[in-house]
Amino acid sequence: MAQALILGSDLINALKALDARAAMKPTDYERVVLLARGHITPSTARELNREMTIQVPVGYAVTLTYEQQRPHGGLCRHASLSHPNGINPAAAQVLLTGLGFTHTIGEIPMWVEKGPELPGGFAANFLEPVSGDLSELATR
């Protein structure tokens, strides 16, 4: 039977601390482009972001980065969630909300990253502008 993810004060504080750390070291646009084009492998990116990852008591690995998604603006939160038994959407939403995301799953861009080194073999990734304005992600 799966354990319930309870958003208690310890978890809230851990997520807020992770958000603060990520905000202090945003990923610049050039590195985001290199990642998107495959010039930096996902495993290398995970290694670079190790300090931006926490383990949640019920088994989730939560990585948060701030990324410049446009050459001149577009600062976004990028959360990557993984779990040995897969991602529960309700638990994912609780974690995203705790990280400061203001929109719900289904409203924000989401994609799956696969890899044998990931718990459960994959991670669910979520992206949202820090401002909350999704129009910042529109292709111009």
Protein backbone atom coordinates (compact mmCIF):
# COMPACT_ATOMS: atom_id res chain seq x y z
CA MET A 1 0.00 0.00 0.00
CA ALA A 2 1.30 3.44 -0.92
CA GLN A 3 2.16 5.95 1.76
CA ALA A 4 0.29 9.24 1.82
CA LEU A 5 2.25 12.37 1.00
CA ILE A 6 1.51 14.76 3.85
CA LEU A 7 2.46 18.39 3.37
CA GLY A 8 3.59 19.01 6.96
CA SER A 9 5.79 21.81 8.21
CA ASP A 10 9.05 19.87 7.66
CA LEU A 11 8.21 19.20 4.01
CA ILE A 12 6.96 22.76 3.46
CA ASN A 13 10.21 24.12 4.90
CA ALA A 14 12.32 21.74 2.78
CA LEU A 15 10.47 22.75 -0.41
CA LYS A 16 10.79 26.47 0.43
CA ALA A 17 14.52 26.04 1.10
CA LEU A 18 14.92 24.23 -2.23
CA ASP A 19 13.05 27.04 -4.00
CA ALA A 20 15.31 29.65 -2.37
CA ARG A 21 18.49 27.73 -3.38
CA ALA A 22 17.28 27.34 -6.96
CA ALA A 23 16.35 31.02 -7.22
CA MET A 24 19.89 31.99 -6.20
CA LYS A 25 21.47 29.99 -9.07
CA PRO A 26 19.33 30.32 -12.20
CA THR A 27 20.36 28.43 -15.32
CA ASP A 28 21.17 30.86 -18.12
CA TYR A 29 19.54 30.71 -21.55
CA GLU A 30 22.69 29.41 -23.27
CA ARG A 31 22.81 26.32 -21.03
CA VAL A 32 19.07 25.72 -21.49
CA VAL A 33 19.65 25.73 -25.27
CA LEU A 34 22.57 23.29 -24.93
CA LEU A 35 20.37 20.96 -22.87
CA ALA A 36 17.48 21.20 -25.32
CA ARG A 37 19.78 20.38 -28.26
CA GLY A 38 21.29 17.39 -26.47
CA HIS A 39 24.78 18.93 -26.11
CA ILE A 40 24.51 18.36 -22.35
CA THR A 41 23.18 14.91 -21.50
CA PRO A 42 20.33 14.48 -19.01
CA SER A 43 22.64 12.52 -16.69
CA THR A 44 25.20 15.36 -16.75
CA ALA A 45 22.43 17.86 -16.06
CA ARG A 46 21.29 15.80 -13.07
CA GLU A 47 24.85 15.75 -11.75
CA LEU A 48 25.12 19.53 -12.17
CA ASN A 49 21.80 19.95 -10.33
CA ARG A 50 22.50 17.56 -7.46
CA GLU A 51 22.40 20.37 -4.88
CA MET A 52 18.97 21.32 -6.25
CA THR A 53 17.54 17.88 -5.43
CA ILE A 54 15.88 16.71 -2.23
CA GLN A 55 14.42 13.37 -1.22
CA VAL A 56 10.87 13.50 0.13
CA PRO A 57 10.15 10.98 2.93
CA VAL A 58 7.70 8.90 0.85
CA GLY A 59 10.27 8.25 -1.88
CA TYR A 60 10.01 11.17 -4.29
CA ALA A 61 13.15 12.79 -5.67
CA VAL A 62 12.41 16.47 -6.30
CA THR A 63 14.73 18.64 -8.38
CA LEU A 64 14.02 22.32 -8.88
CA THR A 65 15.89 24.74 -11.11
CA TYR A 66 15.19 28.27 -12.22
CA GLU A 67 15.84 28.61 -15.94
CA GLN A 68 15.93 31.46 -18.41
CA GLN A 69 13.64 30.11 -21.13
CA ARG A 70 13.95 33.07 -23.50
CA PRO A 71 17.01 35.12 -24.52
CA HIS A 72 15.66 38.25 -22.82
CA GLY A 73 13.38 37.16 -20.01
CA GLY A 74 11.14 34.24 -19.29
CA LEU A 75 12.52 33.07 -15.94
CA CYS A 76 10.80 29.77 -15.12
CA ARG A 77 10.66 27.18 -12.38
CA HIS A 78 11.47 23.70 -13.72
CA ALA A 79 10.57 20.84 -11.40
CA SER A 80 11.56 17.24 -12.06
CA LEU A 81 9.80 14.57 -9.97
CA SER A 82 10.58 10.89 -9.84
CA HIS A 83 9.52 7.95 -7.66
CA PRO A 84 10.40 4.24 -7.76
CA ASN A 85 6.70 3.35 -8.24
CA GLY A 86 5.83 6.12 -10.69
CA ILE A 87 4.31 9.55 -10.23
CA ASN A 88 0.98 10.04 -8.49
CA PRO A 89 -0.65 13.16 -10.02
CA ALA A 90 -2.17 14.27 -6.70
CA ALA A 91 1.19 13.96 -4.93
CA ALA A 92 2.91 15.76 -7.81
CA GLN A 93 0.45 18.65 -7.50
CA VAL A 94 1.08 18.89 -3.74
CA LEU A 95 4.84 19.06 -4.37
CA LEU A 96 4.50 21.60 -7.18
CA THR A 97 2.30 23.83 -5.02
CA GLY A 98 4.85 23.57 -2.21
CA LEU A 99 7.56 24.70 -4.66
CA GLY A 100 5.58 27.83 -5.53
CA PHE A 101 3.87 26.74 -8.76
CA THR A 102 0.56 28.55 -9.11
CA HIS A 103 -1.04 26.53 -11.93
CA THR A 104 -2.25 22.96 -11.86
CA ILE A 105 -1.02 19.93 -13.75
CA GLY A 106 -2.65 20.08 -17.17
CA GLU A 107 -2.30 23.85 -17.38
CA ILE A 108 1.50 23.95 -17.52
CA PRO A 109 3.96 22.28 -19.88
CA MET A 110 4.86 18.76 -18.77
CA TRP A 111 7.08 16.09 -20.33
CA VAL A 112 8.54 12.75 -19.36
CA GLU A 113 12.26 12.05 -19.25
CA LYS A 114 13.33 8.40 -19.35
CA GLY A 115 16.53 6.93 -18.01
CA PRO A 116 17.65 3.80 -16.19
CA GLU A 117 19.33 5.91 -13.50
CA LEU A 118 16.02 7.59 -12.57
CA PRO A 119 13.87 6.12 -9.79
CA GLY A 120 11.16 4.13 -11.57
CA GLY A 121 12.95 4.69 -14.89
CA PHE A 122 11.48 8.12 -15.59
CA ALA A 123 10.89 11.62 -14.26
CA ALA A 124 7.95 13.93 -14.83
CA ASN A 125 9.06 17.48 -15.64
CA PHE A 126 6.98 20.62 -15.15
CA LEU A 127 7.67 24.19 -16.26
CA GLU A 128 6.01 27.45 -15.18
CA PRO A 129 7.10 31.09 -15.47
CA VAL A 130 8.00 32.50 -12.05
CA SER A 131 5.55 35.33 -12.79
CA GLY A 132 2.76 32.78 -13.30
CA ASP A 133 2.03 34.27 -16.74
CA LEU A 134 1.94 31.31 -19.13
CA SER A 135 1.92 33.63 -22.14
CA GLU A 136 5.66 34.13 -21.48
CA LEU A 137 6.16 30.61 -22.88
CA ALA A 138 4.39 31.37 -26.16
CA THR A 139 6.54 31.04 -29.26
CA ARG A 140 7.32 34.46 -30.63
